[in-house]
Protein backbone atom coordinates (compact mmCIF):
# COMPACT_ATOMS: atom_id res chain seq x y z
CA MET A 1 -0.61 -0.03 -15.79
CA GLU A 2 -3.74 -1.96 -14.52
CA HIS A 3 -4.95 -1.53 -11.03
CA GLN A 4 -4.07 -4.86 -10.37
CA ALA A 5 -0.04 -4.50 -11.27
CA LEU A 6 -0.58 -0.95 -9.65
CA LEU A 7 -1.83 -2.89 -6.81
CA SER A 8 1.53 -5.08 -6.61
CA ALA A 9 4.31 -2.81 -6.91
CA LEU A 10 3.13 -0.93 -3.63
CA LEU A 11 2.50 -4.01 -1.87
CA ASP A 12 6.02 -4.91 -3.09
CA LEU A 13 7.44 -1.33 -1.90
CA ALA A 14 5.77 -1.79 1.14
CA GLU A 15 7.84 -4.75 1.55
CA GLN A 16 10.87 -3.19 0.23
CA ILE A 17 10.70 -1.03 3.38
CA GLY A 18 10.37 -3.33 6.35
CA PHE A 19 6.81 -3.55 6.10
CA GLU A 20 4.90 -6.58 6.95
CA VAL A 21 1.75 -6.86 4.17
CA ARG A 22 -1.22 -9.26 4.95
CA ARG A 23 -3.82 -10.07 2.98
CA GLU A 24 -6.90 -10.73 5.09
CA TYR A 25 -10.55 -10.97 4.78
CA LEU A 26 -11.65 -7.99 6.11
CA GLY A 27 -15.30 -7.50 5.12
CA GLY A 28 -14.59 -4.97 2.35
CA ASP A 29 -14.33 -2.24 4.77
CA GLY A 30 -10.66 -3.10 6.10
CA GLY A 31 -7.59 -2.42 5.62
CA GLY A 32 -4.60 0.28 6.30
CA LEU A 33 -1.55 0.60 8.30
CA CYS A 34 -0.95 -0.37 11.65
CA ARG A 35 1.85 -0.85 14.31
CA LEU A 36 1.55 -4.19 15.87
CA ARG A 37 4.25 -5.55 18.59
CA GLY A 38 7.00 -2.59 17.13
CA LYS A 39 6.49 -3.62 13.78
CA TRP A 40 4.43 -1.99 10.63
CA VAL A 41 1.81 -3.95 9.01
CA LEU A 42 -0.13 -2.92 6.39
CA PHE A 43 -3.40 -4.79 6.15
CA VAL A 44 -5.15 -5.74 2.61
CA ASP A 45 -8.49 -6.52 2.62
CA THR A 46 -9.38 -9.18 0.04
CA GLY A 47 -12.88 -8.06 0.65
CA ALA A 48 -12.84 -5.28 -1.22
CA SER A 49 -12.27 -4.17 -4.79
CA VAL A 50 -8.46 -3.89 -6.29
CA ALA A 51 -9.45 -0.12 -6.84
CA GLU A 52 -10.81 0.00 -3.15
CA GLN A 53 -7.65 -2.07 -2.14
CA LEU A 54 -5.08 0.39 -4.40
CA ALA A 55 -6.68 3.51 -2.50
CA GLN A 56 -6.02 1.65 0.76
CA ALA A 57 -2.05 0.78 -0.21
CA ALA A 58 -1.23 4.34 -1.84
CA GLY A 59 -2.87 6.04 1.25
CA ALA A 60 -0.71 4.48 3.46
CA LEU A 61 2.45 4.56 1.76
CA ALA A 62 1.92 8.23 0.29
CA ASN A 63 3.64 10.25 2.86
CA ARG A 64 6.52 7.39 4.06
CA GLU A 65 9.85 9.23 4.30
CA GLU A 66 11.61 5.50 3.64
CA LEU A 67 10.17 5.68 0.31
CA GLU A 68 12.32 8.53 -0.79
CA SER A 69 15.57 6.50 -1.36
CA LYS A 70 13.70 3.71 -3.25
CA TYR A 71 13.43 3.74 -7.11
CA ILE A 72 9.07 4.18 -8.07
CA LEU A 73 7.73 3.37 -11.45
CA PRO A 74 6.47 6.56 -12.60
CA GLN A 75 2.90 5.03 -12.55
CA VAL A 76 3.50 4.45 -9.17
CA ARG A 77 4.94 7.54 -8.07
CA GLN A 78 1.66 9.25 -9.73
CA VAL A 79 -0.78 7.15 -7.64
CA LEU A 80 1.69 7.73 -4.52
CA ASP A 81 1.52 11.74 -5.40
CA GLU A 82 -2.31 11.44 -5.64
CA PHE A 83 -2.24 10.47 -2.25
CA ARG A 84 -0.14 12.71 -0.51
CA VAL A 85 -1.43 14.97 2.45
C-alpha cells in the first residue's frame, strides 16, 4: 500500500472514532492531535510530505484504545504497530 493510501485509511479511522480531521498548512513542521473545546482534533500539516503526514497521523492514533473495536487493514495495523509505545 502506498503512503497516500495508508494516510487516507488512517484519517478515515480517526473520523470513525470521533476525531475531527483538519488539513491545514502549518509550514511543514506542525500537525498532530490536540483537544479543542472538548473535542479531539487531528491536524494534518499539508506543508509536510505525505510520509511526514503519515507519521504524524500514525503517531497520534497508535495507542488509542478506541481502535481496538475497529477493523483495521493489516497494512495499516502494521504502520500503527511501528508507532506504538
